[in-house]
Amino acid sequence: MFKKLASDALGLSDIGVIITPENYKDVDADDYLFHEDGEKIFFLIKSRKDEYCFTNLALIHVDGESAVSSKRSIRRYDYASYRVSNPLIETAGTVDLDVELKFTLGDKVFSVDIRKKFIEQVKDIYKALFSIGKQQTRDEIGRSNAIRTLEATASMYKINDGASAATIVTNFNAVLENLNRAVLDRHTKRDFSDVFQKYIQS
């Protein structure tokens, strides 16, 4: 008990390790995956207090109050709703025990200390986060272009007084369906399995 308290006080409990795939089933975050929807873990950082679980769909943060408390908060950040930005690695000095991975999801800033022996794996997740952010930027431009195209198209036409109500409704529904498909599906990537498979070396 004293060792746990001392470790917590010194901040050592916050230094994470990389969990290997064969041990994913033993982490707390696994209980909160949407396995039914094909969600799977690709990268996991674990300290005594926290777990940072990167799945193909989201970051699941198992947030502990302290190393000696069993209380946990589960926070989920879906990539479709939270944009990844500012990924950064701060490498360790010669006497440091850790490296630091920093990134932002939406307006939430993360700073995760990881034992420096895992630096090569940290580089992998850095590349994945950077690539996810690039795709999200591309998607954002695509959604904006879809709205602008709709506005430009609408300005070219005027409602035909001779059109029936049924025709107007049919045309409206067709435009709405295509716009939703463009904005919600074509230009909003939700599953980043391909990115993780490309960069994460298991």
C-alpha atoms as a PDB file:
ATOM      1  CA  MET A   1       0.000   0.000   0.000  1.00  0.00           C
ATOM      2  CA  PHE A   2       2.818   2.414   0.890  1.00  0.00           C
ATOM      3  CA  LYS A   3       4.568   1.701  -2.424  1.00  0.00           C
ATOM      4  CA  LYS A   4       1.391   2.490  -4.348  1.00  0.00           C
ATOM      5  CA  LEU A   5       0.917   5.752  -2.443  1.00  0.00           C
ATOM      6  CA  ALA A   6       4.552   6.745  -2.967  1.00  0.00           C
ATOM      7  CA  SER A   7       4.381   5.940  -6.656  1.00  0.00           C
ATOM      8  CA  ASP A   8       1.222   7.989  -7.023  1.00  0.00           C
ATOM      9  CA  ALA A   9       2.740  10.924  -5.164  1.00  0.00           C
ATOM     10  CA  LEU A  10       5.872  10.866  -7.318  1.00  0.00           C
ATOM     11  CA  GLY A  11       3.864  10.712 -10.516  1.00  0.00           C
ATOM     12  CA  LEU A  12       5.377   7.389 -11.567  1.00  0.00           C
ATOM     13  CA  SER A  13       1.940   5.806 -11.719  1.00  0.00           C
ATOM     14  CA  ASP A  14       1.108   8.030 -14.663  1.00  0.00           C
ATOM     15  CA  ILE A  15       3.832   6.559 -16.854  1.00  0.00           C
ATOM     16  CA  GLY A  16       2.114   4.217 -19.262  1.00  0.00           C
ATOM     17  CA  VAL A  17       3.146   1.050 -21.036  1.00  0.00           C
ATOM     18  CA  ILE A  18       1.997  -0.334 -24.370  1.00  0.00           C
ATOM     19  CA  ILE A  19      -0.263  -3.365 -24.000  1.00  0.00           C
ATOM     20  CA  THR A  20       0.217  -6.115 -26.587  1.00  0.00           C
ATOM     21  CA  PRO A  21      -2.758  -7.532 -28.550  1.00  0.00           C
ATOM     22  CA  GLU A  22      -2.792 -10.867 -26.727  1.00  0.00           C
ATOM     23  CA  ASN A  23      -3.582  -8.970 -23.509  1.00  0.00           C
ATOM     24  CA  TYR A  24      -6.353  -6.714 -24.846  1.00  0.00           C
ATOM     25  CA  LYS A  25      -9.002  -9.009 -23.416  1.00  0.00           C
ATOM     26  CA  ASP A  26      -7.708  -8.297 -19.898  1.00  0.00           C
ATOM     27  CA  VAL A  27      -8.014  -4.484 -19.969  1.00  0.00           C
ATOM     28  CA  ASP A  28     -10.993  -2.528 -18.658  1.00  0.00           C
ATOM     29  CA  ALA A  29     -11.572  -0.713 -21.958  1.00  0.00           C
ATOM     30  CA  ASP A  30     -12.445  -3.962 -23.731  1.00  0.00           C
ATOM     31  CA  ASP A  31     -15.720  -4.083 -21.792  1.00  0.00           C
ATOM     32  CA  TYR A  32     -16.853  -0.829 -23.431  1.00  0.00           C
ATOM     33  CA  LEU A  33     -16.202  -1.661 -27.074  1.00  0.00           C
ATOM     34  CA  PHE A  34     -19.081  -2.030 -29.513  1.00  0.00           C
ATOM     35  CA  HIS A  35     -18.006  -5.516 -30.549  1.00  0.00           C
ATOM     36  CA  GLU A  36     -21.421  -5.966 -32.155  1.00  0.00           C
ATOM     37  CA  ASP A  37     -20.523  -3.219 -34.655  1.00  0.00           C
ATOM     38  CA  GLY A  38     -17.103  -4.606 -35.507  1.00  0.00           C
ATOM     39  CA  GLU A  39     -15.147  -2.350 -33.163  1.00  0.00           C
ATOM     40  CA  LYS A  40     -11.676  -3.631 -32.247  1.00  0.00           C
ATOM     41  CA  ILE A  41      -8.622  -2.397 -30.374  1.00  0.00           C
ATOM     42  CA  PHE A  42      -5.565  -1.397 -32.406  1.00  0.00           C
ATOM     43  CA  PHE A  43      -3.421   0.341 -29.790  1.00  0.00           C
ATOM     44  CA  LEU A  44      -3.601   0.605 -26.015  1.00  0.00           C
ATOM     45  CA  ILE A  45      -1.616   2.602 -23.464  1.00  0.00           C
ATOM     46  CA  LYS A  46      -2.081   1.661 -19.821  1.00  0.00           C
ATOM     47  CA  SER A  47      -0.848   3.295 -16.624  1.00  0.00           C
ATOM     48  CA  ARG A  48      -1.938   2.564 -13.090  1.00  0.00           C
ATOM     49  CA  LYS A  49      -4.569   5.282 -13.341  1.00  0.00           C
ATOM     50  CA  ASP A  50      -5.652   5.357 -16.963  1.00  0.00           C
ATOM     51  CA  GLU A  51      -6.159   3.436 -20.169  1.00  0.00           C
ATOM     52  CA  TYR A  52      -6.034   5.067 -23.595  1.00  0.00           C
ATOM     53  CA  CYS A  53      -7.649   2.624 -25.979  1.00  0.00           C
ATOM     54  CA  PHE A  54      -7.471   3.446 -29.692  1.00  0.00           C
ATOM     55  CA  THR A  55     -10.024   1.449 -31.660  1.00  0.00           C
ATOM     56  CA  ASN A  56     -10.926   1.638 -35.329  1.00  0.00           C
ATOM     57  CA  LEU A  57     -13.926   3.833 -34.368  1.00  0.00           C
ATOM     58  CA  ALA A  58     -12.926   5.884 -31.323  1.00  0.00           C
ATOM     59  CA  LEU A  59     -10.601   6.647 -28.458  1.00  0.00           C
ATOM     60  CA  ILE A  60     -11.904   5.132 -25.233  1.00  0.00           C
ATOM     61  CA  HIS A  61     -10.366   6.774 -22.176  1.00  0.00           C
ATOM     62  CA  VAL A  62     -10.682   4.839 -18.927  1.00  0.00           C
ATOM     63  CA  ASP A  63      -9.968   7.709 -16.553  1.00  0.00           C
ATOM     64  CA  GLY A  64      -8.892   6.842 -13.010  1.00  0.00           C
ATOM     65  CA  GLU A  65      -8.773   9.353 -10.163  1.00  0.00           C
ATOM     66  CA  SER A  66      -5.589   7.879  -8.669  1.00  0.00           C
ATOM     67  CA  ALA A  67      -3.528   4.728  -8.646  1.00  0.00           C
ATOM     68  CA  VAL A  68      -5.032   3.623  -5.322  1.00  0.00           C
ATOM     69  CA  SER A  69      -8.675   4.248  -6.218  1.00  0.00           C
ATOM     70  CA  SER A  70     -10.940   1.801  -8.026  1.00  0.00           C
ATOM     71  CA  LYS A  71     -13.200   4.589  -9.299  1.00  0.00           C
ATOM     72  CA  ARG A  72     -13.157   4.982 -13.081  1.00  0.00           C
ATOM     73  CA  SER A  73     -14.835   7.277 -15.599  1.00  0.00           C
ATOM     74  CA  ILE A  74     -15.336   6.007 -19.129  1.00  0.00           C
ATOM     75  CA  ARG A  75     -15.168   8.629 -21.870  1.00  0.00           C
ATOM     76  CA  ARG A  76     -15.608   7.889 -25.552  1.00  0.00           C
ATOM     77  CA  TYR A  77     -14.425  10.081 -28.426  1.00  0.00           C
ATOM     78  CA  ASP A  78     -15.687   8.864 -31.807  1.00  0.00           C
ATOM     79  CA  TYR A  79     -13.500   9.948 -34.711  1.00  0.00           C
ATOM     80  CA  ALA A  80     -16.634  10.848 -36.694  1.00  0.00           C
ATOM     81  CA  SER A  81     -17.479  13.514 -34.089  1.00  0.00           C
ATOM     82  CA  TYR A  82     -14.093  14.553 -32.665  1.00  0.00           C
ATOM     83  CA  ARG A  83     -11.401  15.850 -34.974  1.00  0.00           C
ATOM     84  CA  VAL A  84      -7.813  14.781 -34.271  1.00  0.00           C
ATOM     85  CA  SER A  85      -5.328  17.654 -34.299  1.00  0.00           C
ATOM     86  CA  ASN A  86      -1.867  18.674 -33.085  1.00  0.00           C
ATOM     87  CA  PRO A  87      -0.292  15.225 -32.581  1.00  0.00           C
ATOM     88  CA  LEU A  88       3.112  15.679 -30.981  1.00  0.00           C
ATOM     89  CA  ILE A  89       5.829  13.515 -29.451  1.00  0.00           C
ATOM     90  CA  GLU A  90       8.175  14.961 -26.848  1.00  0.00           C
ATOM     91  CA  THR A  91      11.163  12.637 -26.599  1.00  0.00           C
ATOM     92  CA  ALA A  92      12.892  11.854 -23.343  1.00  0.00           C
ATOM     93  CA  GLY A  93      16.191  13.269 -22.154  1.00  0.00           C
ATOM     94  CA  THR A  94      18.989  10.994 -21.049  1.00  0.00           C
ATOM     95  CA  VAL A  95      17.743  10.817 -17.458  1.00  0.00           C
ATOM     96  CA  ASP A  96      14.012  10.809 -18.205  1.00  0.00           C
ATOM     97  CA  LEU A  97      11.975   7.658 -17.836  1.00  0.00           C
ATOM     98  CA  ASP A  98       9.311   8.559 -20.359  1.00  0.00           C
ATOM     99  CA  VAL A  99       8.283  10.139 -23.631  1.00  0.00           C
ATOM    100  CA  GLU A 100       5.140  12.221 -23.995  1.00  0.00           C
ATOM    101  CA  LEU A 101       2.410  11.795 -26.593  1.00  0.00           C
ATOM    102  CA  LYS A 102       0.192  14.850 -27.017  1.00  0.00           C
ATOM    103  CA  PHE A 103      -2.844  15.299 -29.227  1.00  0.00           C
ATOM    104  CA  THR A 104      -6.238  16.994 -29.282  1.00  0.00           C
ATOM    105  CA  LEU A 105      -9.649  15.440 -29.912  1.00  0.00           C
ATOM    106  CA  GLY A 106     -12.230  18.143 -30.527  1.00  0.00           C
ATOM    107  CA  ASP A 107     -11.412  20.619 -27.759  1.00  0.00           C
ATOM    108  CA  LYS A 108     -10.034  17.974 -25.382  1.00  0.00           C
ATOM    109  CA  VAL A 109      -6.239  18.037 -24.996  1.00  0.00           C
ATOM    110  CA  PHE A 110      -4.477  14.787 -24.096  1.00  0.00           C
ATOM    111  CA  SER A 111      -0.963  14.432 -22.716  1.00  0.00           C
ATOM    112  CA  VAL A 112       0.152  10.863 -22.074  1.00  0.00           C
ATOM    113  CA  ASP A 113       3.471   9.849 -20.502  1.00  0.00           C
ATOM    114  CA  ILE A 114       4.829   6.536 -21.792  1.00  0.00           C
ATOM    115  CA  ARG A 115       7.950   4.610 -20.839  1.00  0.00           C
ATOM    116  CA  LYS A 116      10.667   5.561 -23.294  1.00  0.00           C
ATOM    117  CA  LYS A 117      11.456   1.948 -24.200  1.00  0.00           C
ATOM    118  CA  PHE A 118       8.188   2.047 -26.189  1.00  0.00           C
ATOM    119  CA  ILE A 119       9.299   4.983 -28.366  1.00  0.00           C
ATOM    120  CA  GLU A 120       8.996   3.011 -31.629  1.00  0.00           C
ATOM    121  CA  GLN A 121       5.380   2.088 -30.856  1.00  0.00           C
ATOM    122  CA  VAL A 122       4.655   5.708 -29.894  1.00  0.00           C
ATOM    123  CA  LYS A 123       5.928   6.772 -33.311  1.00  0.00           C
ATOM    124  CA  ASP A 124       3.428   4.361 -34.883  1.00  0.00           C
ATOM    125  CA  ILE A 125       0.404   5.810 -33.066  1.00  0.00           C
ATOM    126  CA  TYR A 126       1.663   9.319 -33.841  1.00  0.00           C
ATOM    127  CA  LYS A 127       1.602   8.482 -37.561  1.00  0.00           C
ATOM    128  CA  ALA A 128      -1.881   6.993 -37.265  1.00  0.00           C
ATOM    129  CA  LEU A 129      -3.249  10.040 -35.432  1.00  0.00           C
ATOM    130  CA  PHE A 130      -1.646  12.409 -37.948  1.00  0.00           C
ATOM    131  CA  SER A 131      -3.201  10.467 -40.841  1.00  0.00           C
ATOM    132  CA  ILE A 132      -6.639  10.373 -39.198  1.00  0.00           C
ATOM    133  CA  GLY A 133      -6.458  14.143 -38.778  1.00  0.00           C
ATOM    134  CA  LYS A 134      -5.540  14.587 -42.473  1.00  0.00           C
ATOM    135  CA  GLN A 135      -8.528  12.486 -43.556  1.00  0.00           C
ATOM    136  CA  GLN A 136     -10.848  14.402 -41.224  1.00  0.00           C
ATOM    137  CA  THR A 137      -9.643  17.685 -42.754  1.00  0.00           C
ATOM    138  CA  ARG A 138     -10.327  16.290 -46.226  1.00  0.00           C
ATOM    139  CA  ASP A 139     -13.791  15.158 -45.128  1.00  0.00           C
ATOM    140  CA  GLU A 140     -14.545  18.584 -43.678  1.00  0.00           C
ATOM    141  CA  ILE A 141     -13.695  20.200 -47.018  1.00  0.00           C
ATOM    142  CA  GLY A 142     -15.888  17.640 -48.794  1.00  0.00           C
ATOM    143  CA  ARG A 143     -18.868  18.412 -46.555  1.00  0.00           C
ATOM    144  CA  SER A 144     -18.396  22.134 -47.067  1.00  0.00           C
ATOM    145  CA  ASN A 145     -18.215  21.654 -50.836  1.00  0.00           C
ATOM    146  CA  ALA A 146     -21.409  19.563 -50.778  1.00  0.00           C
ATOM    147  CA  ILE A 147     -23.316  22.392 -49.036  1.00  0.00           C
ATOM    148  CA  ARG A 148     -21.883  25.006 -51.394  1.00  0.00           C
ATOM    149  CA  THR A 149     -22.810  22.880 -54.409  1.00  0.00           C
ATOM    150  CA  LEU A 150     -26.359  22.551 -53.119  1.00  0.00           C
ATOM    151  CA  GLU A 151     -26.630  26.316 -52.660  1.00  0.00           C
ATOM    152  CA  ALA A 152     -25.212  26.944 -56.144  1.00  0.00           C
ATOM    153  CA  THR A 153     -27.604  24.425 -57.675  1.00  0.00           C
ATOM    154  CA  ALA A 154     -30.581  25.900 -55.840  1.00  0.00           C
ATOM    155  CA  SER A 155     -29.737  29.385 -57.109  1.00  0.00           C
ATOM    156  CA  MET A 156     -29.999  28.111 -60.693  1.00  0.00           C
ATOM    157  CA  TYR A 157     -33.622  27.060 -60.349  1.00  0.00           C
ATOM    158  CA  LYS A 158     -36.827  28.676 -59.307  1.00  0.00           C
ATOM    159  CA  ILE A 159     -39.872  26.858 -58.063  1.00  0.00           C
ATOM    160  CA  ASN A 160     -42.063  26.133 -61.055  1.00  0.00           C
ATOM    161  CA  ASP A 161     -45.566  27.387 -60.332  1.00  0.00           C
ATOM    162  CA  GLY A 162     -46.885  24.584 -62.475  1.00  0.00           C
ATOM    163  CA  ALA A 163     -45.183  21.859 -60.452  1.00  0.00           C
ATOM    164  CA  SER A 164     -47.455  19.711 -58.350  1.00  0.00           C
ATOM    165  CA  ALA A 165     -46.982  19.322 -54.625  1.00  0.00           C
ATOM    166  CA  ALA A 166     -46.087  15.682 -55.186  1.00  0.00           C
ATOM    167  CA  THR A 167     -43.343  16.613 -57.659  1.00  0.00           C
ATOM    168  CA  ILE A 168     -41.898  19.202 -55.290  1.00  0.00           C
ATOM    169  CA  VAL A 169     -41.845  16.675 -52.439  1.00  0.00           C
ATOM    170  CA  THR A 170     -40.223  14.032 -54.660  1.00  0.00           C
ATOM    171  CA  ASN A 171     -37.502  16.431 -55.791  1.00  0.00           C
ATOM    172  CA  PHE A 172     -36.927  17.659 -52.236  1.00  0.00           C
ATOM    173  CA  ASN A 173     -36.557  14.130 -50.899  1.00  0.00           C
ATOM    174  CA  ALA A 174     -34.156  13.179 -53.695  1.00  0.00           C
ATOM    175  CA  VAL A 175     -31.940  16.211 -53.030  1.00  0.00           C
ATOM    176  CA  LEU A 176     -32.049  15.654 -49.262  1.00  0.00           C
ATOM    177  CA  GLU A 177     -31.168  11.974 -49.607  1.00  0.00           C
ATOM    178  CA  ASN A 178     -28.183  12.734 -51.830  1.00  0.00           C
ATOM    179  CA  LEU A 179     -27.000  15.539 -49.560  1.00  0.00           C
ATOM    180  CA  ASN A 180     -27.218  13.332 -46.471  1.00  0.00           C
ATOM    181  CA  ARG A 181     -25.341  10.560 -48.258  1.00  0.00           C
ATOM    182  CA  ALA A 182     -22.587  12.987 -49.226  1.00  0.00           C
ATOM    183  CA  VAL A 183     -22.296  14.665 -45.820  1.00  0.00           C
ATOM    184  CA  LEU A 184     -22.924  11.753 -43.477  1.00  0.00           C
ATOM    185  CA  ASP A 185     -21.407   8.868 -45.409  1.00  0.00           C
ATOM    186  CA  ARG A 186     -19.125   9.794 -48.304  1.00  0.00           C
ATOM    187  CA  HIS A 187     -17.394  12.657 -46.464  1.00  0.00           C
ATOM    188  CA  THR A 188     -17.527  11.419 -42.854  1.00  0.00           C
ATOM    189  CA  LYS A 189     -15.170   8.503 -42.361  1.00  0.00           C
ATOM    190  CA  ARG A 190     -16.030   6.521 -39.239  1.00  0.00           C
ATOM    191  CA  ASP A 191     -13.908   3.386 -39.440  1.00  0.00           C
ATOM    192  CA  PHE A 192     -10.142   3.921 -39.581  1.00  0.00           C
ATOM    193  CA  SER A 193      -9.108   0.256 -39.584  1.00  0.00           C
ATOM    194  CA  ASP A 194      -7.103   0.810 -42.773  1.00  0.00           C
ATOM    195  CA  VAL A 195      -5.066   3.611 -41.185  1.00  0.00           C
ATOM    196  CA  PHE A 196      -4.246   1.605 -38.061  1.00  0.00           C
ATOM    197  CA  GLN A 197      -3.383  -1.488 -40.102  1.00  0.00           C
ATOM    198  CA  LYS A 198      -1.009   0.613 -42.202  1.00  0.00           C
ATOM    199  CA  TYR A 199       0.916   2.214 -39.353  1.00  0.00           C
ATOM    200  CA  ILE A 200       0.566   0.053 -36.245  1.00  0.00           C
ATOM    201  CA  GLN A 201       3.173  -2.693 -36.141  1.00  0.00           C
ATOM    202  CA  SER A 202       1.751  -5.410 -33.895  1.00  0.00           C
END
